[in-house]
C-alpha atoms as a PDB file:
ATOM      1  CA  UNK A   1      -9.454  28.923 -25.554  1.00  0.00           C
ATOM      2  CA  UNK A   2     -10.620  26.641 -28.347  1.00  0.00           C
ATOM      3  CA  UNK A   3      -7.167  26.866 -29.920  1.00  0.00           C
ATOM      4  CA  UNK A   4      -5.815  24.894 -26.955  1.00  0.00           C
ATOM      5  CA  UNK A   5      -8.266  22.033 -27.382  1.00  0.00           C
ATOM      6  CA  UNK A   6      -7.645  19.361 -30.053  1.00  0.00           C
ATOM      7  CA  UNK A   7     -10.456  19.006 -32.577  1.00  0.00           C
ATOM      8  CA  UNK A   8     -10.571  15.215 -32.282  1.00  0.00           C
ATOM      9  CA  UNK A   9     -11.910  15.305 -28.708  1.00  0.00           C
ATOM     10  CA  UNK A  10     -15.542  14.485 -28.027  1.00  0.00           C
ATOM     11  CA  UNK A  11     -18.022  17.343 -27.462  1.00  0.00           C
ATOM     12  CA  UNK A  12     -18.341  16.271 -23.833  1.00  0.00           C
ATOM     13  CA  UNK A  13     -14.581  16.435 -23.241  1.00  0.00           C
ATOM     14  CA  UNK A  14     -14.334  19.773 -25.049  1.00  0.00           C
ATOM     15  CA  UNK A  15     -17.145  21.179 -22.916  1.00  0.00           C
ATOM     16  CA  UNK A  16     -15.471  19.957 -19.708  1.00  0.00           C
ATOM     17  CA  UNK A  17     -12.181  21.589 -20.685  1.00  0.00           C
ATOM     18  CA  UNK A  18     -13.851  24.897 -21.573  1.00  0.00           C
ATOM     19  CA  UNK A  19     -15.678  24.883 -18.249  1.00  0.00           C
ATOM     20  CA  UNK A  20     -12.441  24.322 -16.340  1.00  0.00           C
ATOM     21  CA  UNK A  21     -10.609  27.000 -18.334  1.00  0.00           C
ATOM     22  CA  UNK A  22     -13.345  29.551 -17.648  1.00  0.00           C
ATOM     23  CA  UNK A  23     -12.974  29.206 -13.894  1.00  0.00           C
ATOM     24  CA  UNK A  24     -10.934  31.976 -12.237  1.00  0.00           C
ATOM     25  CA  UNK A  25      -7.565  31.056 -10.715  1.00  0.00           C
ATOM     26  CA  UNK A  26      -7.735  29.624  -7.218  1.00  0.00           C
ATOM     27  CA  UNK A  27      -5.498  31.673  -4.888  1.00  0.00           C
ATOM     28  CA  UNK A  28      -4.851  28.485  -2.901  1.00  0.00           C
ATOM     29  CA  UNK A  29      -3.527  26.624  -5.944  1.00  0.00           C
ATOM     30  CA  UNK A  30       0.174  25.974  -5.427  1.00  0.00           C
ATOM     31  CA  UNK A  31       3.177  25.534  -7.656  1.00  0.00           C
ATOM     32  CA  UNK A  32       4.422  22.010  -8.151  1.00  0.00           C
ATOM     33  CA  UNK A  33       5.422  19.351 -10.638  1.00  0.00           C
ATOM     34  CA  UNK A  34       3.428  17.215 -13.029  1.00  0.00           C
ATOM     35  CA  UNK A  35       4.841  13.704 -13.328  1.00  0.00           C
ATOM     36  CA  UNK A  36       4.345  10.660 -15.518  1.00  0.00           C
ATOM     37  CA  UNK A  37       5.209   7.291 -13.999  1.00  0.00           C
ATOM     38  CA  UNK A  38       5.172   3.975 -15.823  1.00  0.00           C
ATOM     39  CA  UNK A  39       3.532   1.303 -13.655  1.00  0.00           C
ATOM     40  CA  UNK A  40       4.487  -2.345 -13.923  1.00  0.00           C
ATOM     41  CA  UNK A  41       3.598  -5.159 -11.496  1.00  0.00           C
ATOM     42  CA  UNK A  42       6.336  -5.640  -8.910  1.00  0.00           C
ATOM     43  CA  UNK A  43       6.364  -9.353  -9.780  1.00  0.00           C
ATOM     44  CA  UNK A  44       7.646  -8.674 -13.306  1.00  0.00           C
ATOM     45  CA  UNK A  45      10.825  -7.143 -14.642  1.00  0.00           C
ATOM     46  CA  UNK A  46      10.955  -3.368 -14.350  1.00  0.00           C
ATOM     47  CA  UNK A  47      11.913  -1.341 -17.443  1.00  0.00           C
ATOM     48  CA  UNK A  48      15.449   0.057 -17.102  1.00  0.00           C
ATOM     49  CA  UNK A  49      15.499   3.770 -16.276  1.00  0.00           C
ATOM     50  CA  UNK A  50      17.418   4.540 -19.458  1.00  0.00           C
ATOM     51  CA  UNK A  51      14.809   2.684 -21.529  1.00  0.00           C
ATOM     52  CA  UNK A  52      11.966   4.599 -19.911  1.00  0.00           C
ATOM     53  CA  UNK A  53      13.771   7.880 -20.521  1.00  0.00           C
ATOM     54  CA  UNK A  54      14.109   7.073 -24.219  1.00  0.00           C
ATOM     55  CA  UNK A  55      10.350   6.718 -24.761  1.00  0.00           C
ATOM     56  CA  UNK A  56      10.003  10.478 -25.191  1.00  0.00           C
ATOM     57  CA  UNK A  57      13.356  11.054 -26.873  1.00  0.00           C
ATOM     58  CA  UNK A  58      14.146  11.739 -30.513  1.00  0.00           C
ATOM     59  CA  UNK A  59      15.019  10.104 -32.805  1.00  0.00           C
ATOM     60  CA  UNK A  60      12.503   7.314 -32.313  1.00  0.00           C
ATOM     61  CA  UNK A  61      15.074   4.622 -31.538  1.00  0.00           C
ATOM     62  CA  UNK A  62      16.273   4.180 -27.938  1.00  0.00           C
ATOM     63  CA  UNK A  63      19.963   4.317 -27.100  1.00  0.00           C
ATOM     64  CA  UNK A  64      20.027   0.517 -26.713  1.00  0.00           C
ATOM     65  CA  UNK A  65      19.078   0.184 -30.386  1.00  0.00           C
ATOM     66  CA  UNK A  66      15.583  -1.250 -29.854  1.00  0.00           C
ATOM     67  CA  UNK A  67      12.580   0.378 -31.446  1.00  0.00           C
ATOM     68  CA  UNK A  68      10.246   2.163 -29.040  1.00  0.00           C
ATOM     69  CA  UNK A  69       7.350   0.015 -30.224  1.00  0.00           C
ATOM     70  CA  UNK A  70       9.338  -3.119 -29.338  1.00  0.00           C
ATOM     71  CA  UNK A  71      10.162  -1.785 -25.867  1.00  0.00           C
ATOM     72  CA  UNK A  72       6.537  -0.900 -25.174  1.00  0.00           C
ATOM     73  CA  UNK A  73       5.313  -4.256 -26.422  1.00  0.00           C
ATOM     74  CA  UNK A  74       7.752  -6.094 -24.133  1.00  0.00           C
ATOM     75  CA  UNK A  75       6.325  -4.388 -21.036  1.00  0.00           C
ATOM     76  CA  UNK A  76       2.711  -3.970 -22.177  1.00  0.00           C
ATOM     77  CA  UNK A  77      -0.462  -5.343 -20.675  1.00  0.00           C
ATOM     78  CA  UNK A  78      -2.706  -7.680 -22.641  1.00  0.00           C
ATOM     79  CA  UNK A  79      -5.448  -5.836 -24.491  1.00  0.00           C
ATOM     80  CA  UNK A  80      -9.119  -6.417 -23.888  1.00  0.00           C
ATOM     81  CA  UNK A  81     -10.944  -8.975 -26.000  1.00  0.00           C
ATOM     82  CA  UNK A  82     -12.896  -6.306 -27.879  1.00  0.00           C
ATOM     83  CA  UNK A  83      -9.957  -4.406 -29.357  1.00  0.00           C
ATOM     84  CA  UNK A  84      -6.912  -6.625 -28.650  1.00  0.00           C
ATOM     85  CA  UNK A  85      -5.045  -3.380 -28.017  1.00  0.00           C
ATOM     86  CA  UNK A  86      -1.922  -3.720 -25.905  1.00  0.00           C
ATOM     87  CA  UNK A  87      -1.591  -0.990 -23.320  1.00  0.00           C
ATOM     88  CA  UNK A  88       0.785   0.445 -20.749  1.00  0.00           C
ATOM     89  CA  UNK A  89      -0.351   1.781 -17.391  1.00  0.00           C
ATOM     90  CA  UNK A  90       0.708   5.350 -16.642  1.00  0.00           C
ATOM     91  CA  UNK A  91       0.234   7.368 -13.481  1.00  0.00           C
ATOM     92  CA  UNK A  92      -0.116  11.082 -14.192  1.00  0.00           C
ATOM     93  CA  UNK A  93      -0.406  13.503 -11.303  1.00  0.00           C
ATOM     94  CA  UNK A  94       1.133  16.340  -9.342  1.00  0.00           C
ATOM     95  CA  UNK A  95       3.546  16.579  -6.432  1.00  0.00           C
ATOM     96  CA  UNK A  96       5.797  18.994  -4.598  1.00  0.00           C
ATOM     97  CA  UNK A  97       8.470  16.307  -4.292  1.00  0.00           C
ATOM     98  CA  UNK A  98       8.358  13.696  -7.054  1.00  0.00           C
ATOM     99  CA  UNK A  99      10.846  11.249  -5.528  1.00  0.00           C
ATOM    100  CA  UNK A 100       9.196  11.250  -2.101  1.00  0.00           C
ATOM    101  CA  UNK A 101       5.776  10.801  -3.703  1.00  0.00           C
ATOM    102  CA  UNK A 102       7.068   7.843  -5.696  1.00  0.00           C
ATOM    103  CA  UNK A 103       8.377   6.095  -2.583  1.00  0.00           C
ATOM    104  CA  UNK A 104       5.197   6.678  -0.593  1.00  0.00           C
ATOM    105  CA  UNK A 105       2.910   5.473  -3.378  1.00  0.00           C
ATOM    106  CA  UNK A 106       4.997   2.389  -4.144  1.00  0.00           C
ATOM    107  CA  UNK A 107       4.600   1.228  -0.557  1.00  0.00           C
ATOM    108  CA  UNK A 108       0.867   1.793  -0.823  1.00  0.00           C
ATOM    109  CA  UNK A 109       0.116  -0.372  -3.850  1.00  0.00           C
ATOM    110  CA  UNK A 110       3.149  -2.538  -4.525  1.00  0.00           C
ATOM    111  CA  UNK A 111       3.603  -1.471  -8.127  1.00  0.00           C
ATOM    112  CA  UNK A 112       7.029  -0.786  -9.566  1.00  0.00           C
ATOM    113  CA  UNK A 113       7.199   2.831 -10.678  1.00  0.00           C
ATOM    114  CA  UNK A 114       9.543   4.105 -13.360  1.00  0.00           C
ATOM    115  CA  UNK A 115       9.723   7.870 -13.783  1.00  0.00           C
ATOM    116  CA  UNK A 116       9.232   8.731 -17.448  1.00  0.00           C
ATOM    117  CA  UNK A 117       9.286  12.505 -17.151  1.00  0.00           C
ATOM    118  CA  UNK A 118       8.426  15.400 -14.874  1.00  0.00           C
ATOM    119  CA  UNK A 119       7.291  18.859 -15.928  1.00  0.00           C
ATOM    120  CA  UNK A 120       8.178  21.623 -16.623  1.00  0.00           C
ATOM    121  CA  UNK A 121      10.469  19.561 -18.805  1.00  0.00           C
ATOM    122  CA  UNK A 122      13.877  21.097 -19.459  1.00  0.00           C
ATOM    123  CA  UNK A 123      15.956  19.237 -22.082  1.00  0.00           C
ATOM    124  CA  UNK A 124      19.469  18.531 -20.877  1.00  0.00           C
ATOM    125  CA  UNK A 125      22.490  18.857 -23.135  1.00  0.00           C
ATOM    126  CA  UNK A 126      24.030  16.011 -21.138  1.00  0.00           C
ATOM    127  CA  UNK A 127      21.264  13.596 -22.146  1.00  0.00           C
ATOM    128  CA  UNK A 128      23.060  10.429 -23.331  1.00  0.00           C
ATOM    129  CA  UNK A 129      20.780  10.014 -26.355  1.00  0.00           C
ATOM    130  CA  UNK A 130      21.158  13.619 -27.475  1.00  0.00           C
ATOM    131  CA  UNK A 131      22.937  13.925 -30.837  1.00  0.00           C
ATOM    132  CA  UNK A 132      24.937  16.849 -29.435  1.00  0.00           C
ATOM    133  CA  UNK A 133      25.984  15.114 -26.235  1.00  0.00           C
ATOM    134  CA  UNK A 134      29.714  14.630 -25.775  1.00  0.00           C
ATOM    135  CA  UNK A 135      31.562  12.300 -23.382  1.00  0.00           C
ATOM    136  CA  UNK A 136      32.931  13.697 -20.142  1.00  0.00           C
ATOM    137  CA  UNK A 137      36.318  15.415 -20.630  1.00  0.00           C
ATOM    138  CA  UNK A 138      38.084  12.850 -18.454  1.00  0.00           C
ATOM    139  CA  UNK A 139      36.570   9.831 -20.208  1.00  0.00           C
ATOM    140  CA  UNK A 140      39.535   9.320 -22.527  1.00  0.00           C
ATOM    141  CA  UNK A 141      41.968   9.349 -19.596  1.00  0.00           C
ATOM    142  CA  UNK A 142      40.113   6.788 -17.486  1.00  0.00           C
ATOM    143  CA  UNK A 143      41.387   3.200 -17.161  1.00  0.00           C
ATOM    144  CA  UNK A 144      39.694   0.793 -19.597  1.00  0.00           C
ATOM    145  CA  UNK A 145      38.109  -1.199 -16.760  1.00  0.00           C
ATOM    146  CA  UNK A 146      36.348   1.862 -15.343  1.00  0.00           C
ATOM    147  CA  UNK A 147      33.328   3.646 -16.737  1.00  0.00           C
ATOM    148  CA  UNK A 148      32.915   7.442 -16.631  1.00  0.00           C
ATOM    149  CA  UNK A 149      30.238   8.705 -14.241  1.00  0.00           C
ATOM    150  CA  UNK A 150      26.794   8.820 -15.797  1.00  0.00           C
ATOM    151  CA  UNK A 151      24.916  12.127 -15.835  1.00  0.00           C
ATOM    152  CA  UNK A 152      22.062  12.468 -13.370  1.00  0.00           C
ATOM    153  CA  UNK A 153      18.772  11.886 -15.181  1.00  0.00           C
ATOM    154  CA  UNK A 154      16.748  14.157 -12.951  1.00  0.00           C
ATOM    155  CA  UNK A 155      17.728  16.981 -10.586  1.00  0.00           C
ATOM    156  CA  UNK A 156      16.988  16.841  -6.891  1.00  0.00           C
ATOM    157  CA  UNK A 157      13.358  17.943  -6.763  1.00  0.00           C
ATOM    158  CA  UNK A 158      13.337  18.034  -2.969  1.00  0.00           C
ATOM    159  CA  UNK A 159      15.285  21.291  -2.971  1.00  0.00           C
ATOM    160  CA  UNK A 160      13.469  24.639  -2.921  1.00  0.00           C
ATOM    161  CA  UNK A 161      12.587  25.963  -6.366  1.00  0.00           C
ATOM    162  CA  UNK A 162      14.764  28.897  -7.489  1.00  0.00           C
ATOM    163  CA  UNK A 163      13.397  32.136  -8.906  1.00  0.00           C
ATOM    164  CA  UNK A 164      11.173  31.608 -11.924  1.00  0.00           C
ATOM    165  CA  UNK A 165      13.563  33.610 -14.056  1.00  0.00           C
ATOM    166  CA  UNK A 166      16.337  31.123 -13.349  1.00  0.00           C
ATOM    167  CA  UNK A 167      17.339  28.525 -15.929  1.00  0.00           C
ATOM    168  CA  UNK A 168      17.449  25.896 -13.164  1.00  0.00           C
ATOM    169  CA  UNK A 169      14.573  23.760 -11.931  1.00  0.00           C
ATOM    170  CA  UNK A 170      11.262  25.599 -11.818  1.00  0.00           C
ATOM    171  CA  UNK A 171       7.711  24.608 -10.920  1.00  0.00           C
ATOM    172  CA  UNK A 172       4.382  24.574 -12.718  1.00  0.00           C
ATOM    173  CA  UNK A 173       2.051  27.413 -11.666  1.00  0.00           C
ATOM    174  CA  UNK A 174      -1.566  26.470 -10.886  1.00  0.00           C
ATOM    175  CA  UNK A 175      -0.466  22.838 -10.727  1.00  0.00           C
ATOM    176  CA  UNK A 176      -3.840  21.557  -9.476  1.00  0.00           C
ATOM    177  CA  UNK A 177      -5.629  23.169 -12.415  1.00  0.00           C
ATOM    178  CA  UNK A 178      -3.060  21.803 -14.859  1.00  0.00           C
ATOM    179  CA  UNK A 179      -3.494  18.308 -13.437  1.00  0.00           C
ATOM    180  CA  UNK A 180      -7.262  18.669 -13.770  1.00  0.00           C
ATOM    181  CA  UNK A 181      -6.993  19.775 -17.421  1.00  0.00           C
ATOM    182  CA  UNK A 182      -4.708  16.855 -18.271  1.00  0.00           C
ATOM    183  CA  UNK A 183      -7.045  14.378 -16.594  1.00  0.00           C
ATOM    184  CA  UNK A 184     -10.079  15.826 -18.377  1.00  0.00           C
ATOM    185  CA  UNK A 185      -8.442  15.539 -21.794  1.00  0.00           C
ATOM    186  CA  UNK A 186      -7.360  11.946 -21.131  1.00  0.00           C
ATOM    187  CA  UNK A 187     -10.644  10.954 -19.471  1.00  0.00           C
ATOM    188  CA  UNK A 188     -11.463   8.303 -22.074  1.00  0.00           C
ATOM    189  CA  UNK A 189      -8.220   6.494 -21.145  1.00  0.00           C
ATOM    190  CA  UNK A 190      -8.727   6.691 -17.388  1.00  0.00           C
ATOM    191  CA  UNK A 191      -8.799   3.356 -15.552  1.00  0.00           C
ATOM    192  CA  UNK A 192     -12.335   2.937 -14.247  1.00  0.00           C
ATOM    193  CA  UNK A 193     -11.841   0.090 -11.805  1.00  0.00           C
ATOM    194  CA  UNK A 194     -10.681  -0.340  -8.253  1.00  0.00           C
ATOM    195  CA  UNK A 195      -7.060  -1.136  -7.504  1.00  0.00           C
ATOM    196  CA  UNK A 196      -6.681  -4.868  -6.854  1.00  0.00           C
ATOM    197  CA  UNK A 197      -4.070  -4.117  -4.173  1.00  0.00           C
ATOM    198  CA  UNK A 198      -5.632  -1.364  -2.033  1.00  0.00           C
ATOM    199  CA  UNK A 199      -9.239  -1.424  -3.239  1.00  0.00           C
ATOM    200  CA  UNK A 200      -9.328   2.291  -4.036  1.00  0.00           C
ATOM    201  CA  UNK A 201     -10.126   4.190  -7.210  1.00  0.00           C
ATOM    202  CA  UNK A 202      -6.945   5.702  -8.639  1.00  0.00           C
ATOM    203  CA  UNK A 203      -7.996   8.680 -10.728  1.00  0.00           C
ATOM    204  CA  UNK A 204      -4.382   9.209 -11.784  1.00  0.00           C
ATOM    205  CA  UNK A 205      -4.149   5.882 -13.615  1.00  0.00           C
ATOM    206  CA  UNK A 206      -4.454   5.869 -17.401  1.00  0.00           C
ATOM    207  CA  UNK A 207      -4.375   2.935 -19.797  1.00  0.00           C
ATOM    208  CA  UNK A 208      -2.473   4.156 -22.851  1.00  0.00           C
ATOM    209  CA  UNK A 209      -1.945   2.368 -26.154  1.00  0.00           C
ATOM    210  CA  UNK A 210       1.466   0.657 -26.092  1.00  0.00           C
ATOM    211  CA  UNK A 211       2.647   2.527 -29.166  1.00  0.00           C
ATOM    212  CA  UNK A 212       5.008   5.395 -29.825  1.00  0.00           C
ATOM    213  CA  UNK A 213       2.036   7.538 -30.851  1.00  0.00           C
ATOM    214  CA  UNK A 214       0.193   6.630 -27.664  1.00  0.00           C
ATOM    215  CA  UNK A 215       2.888   7.555 -25.144  1.00  0.00           C
ATOM    216  CA  UNK A 216       4.088  10.632 -27.028  1.00  0.00           C
ATOM    217  CA  UNK A 217       0.508  11.810 -27.267  1.00  0.00           C
ATOM    218  CA  UNK A 218       0.381  11.892 -23.467  1.00  0.00           C
ATOM    219  CA  UNK A 219       3.607  13.897 -23.374  1.00  0.00           C
ATOM    220  CA  UNK A 220       2.090  16.400 -25.822  1.00  0.00           C
ATOM    221  CA  UNK A 221      -1.032  16.810 -23.674  1.00  0.00           C
ATOM    222  CA  UNK A 222       0.973  17.548 -20.524  1.00  0.00           C
ATOM    223  CA  UNK A 223       3.378  19.890 -22.317  1.00  0.00           C
ATOM    224  CA  UNK A 224       0.494  21.879 -23.785  1.00  0.00           C
ATOM    225  CA  UNK A 225      -1.293  22.497 -20.489  1.00  0.00           C
ATOM    226  CA  UNK A 226       1.933  23.198 -18.598  1.00  0.00           C
ATOM    227  CA  UNK A 227       2.826  25.712 -21.319  1.00  0.00           C
ATOM    228  CA  UNK A 228      -0.605  27.309 -20.983  1.00  0.00           C
ATOM    229  CA  UNK A 229      -0.171  27.731 -17.215  1.00  0.00           C
ATOM    230  CA  UNK A 230       3.288  29.244 -17.611  1.00  0.00           C
ATOM    231  CA  UNK A 231       2.010  31.664 -20.257  1.00  0.00           C
ATOM    232  CA  UNK A 232      -0.832  32.688 -17.931  1.00  0.00           C
ATOM    233  CA  UNK A 233       1.619  33.250 -15.096  1.00  0.00           C
ATOM    234  CA  UNK A 234       3.880  35.323 -17.355  1.00  0.00           C
ATOM    235  CA  UNK A 235       0.997  37.488 -18.553  1.00  0.00           C
ATOM    236  CA  UNK A 236      -0.177  38.099 -14.989  1.00  0.00           C
ATOM    237  CA  UNK A 237       3.339  39.139 -14.001  1.00  0.00           C
ATOM    238  CA  UNK A 238       3.513  41.652 -16.828  1.00  0.00           C
ATOM    239  CA  UNK A 239       0.182  43.169 -15.750  1.00  0.00           C
ATOM    240  CA  UNK A 240       1.492  43.647 -12.210  1.00  0.00           C
ATOM    241  CA  UNK A 241       4.561  45.566 -13.403  1.00  0.00           C
ATOM    242  CA  UNK A 242       2.839  47.475 -16.215  1.00  0.00           C
END
């Protein structure tokens, strides 16, 4: 278990993670998705969807040609007086239907939400920033005043999940436990104040350094715990059929 836990974490965080990992699986824990949303006040400009998508892409320069650090700085929040660190506000949680959850939550608190990524993450060969991506076959035959259709950034997550062995959209097993592990590891970045809009505590809010290292570090945390859950599920399946 210790191999899953980064050495830079505090003893308290490490202990909390080990405690959670030692708990047996909850039979009521469902499959679902882990999401990361970028929150910006609805009174300000919202980051373009393509820009948000590029934050986790490689190489480290978005398709628009701007450096990731520049993009983050443009939409960052002012740092506190102690550290002067600029931050971005991320919402990290779980859902059975990411798009429906986004709509419901946006009405609740009035923030503009931009979907950065959902998990399990499956890289798409049609990703516009992918070095292997090619234009649609009909692009060269289209009139100059018309643009070829853009690939869909995210599949329709409201549809039932196919069999786990399928290469199509799948869900995260033990999604509640995975969410809990992610939140425990990022506990020192959790927003510890009430929402100024609804007055509630939002345990899914995290204030992350507005740097490439900061946002990609969050992606790494989620990937690691999602991968752990999928490996656990795979091992359990092999035991059943052994």
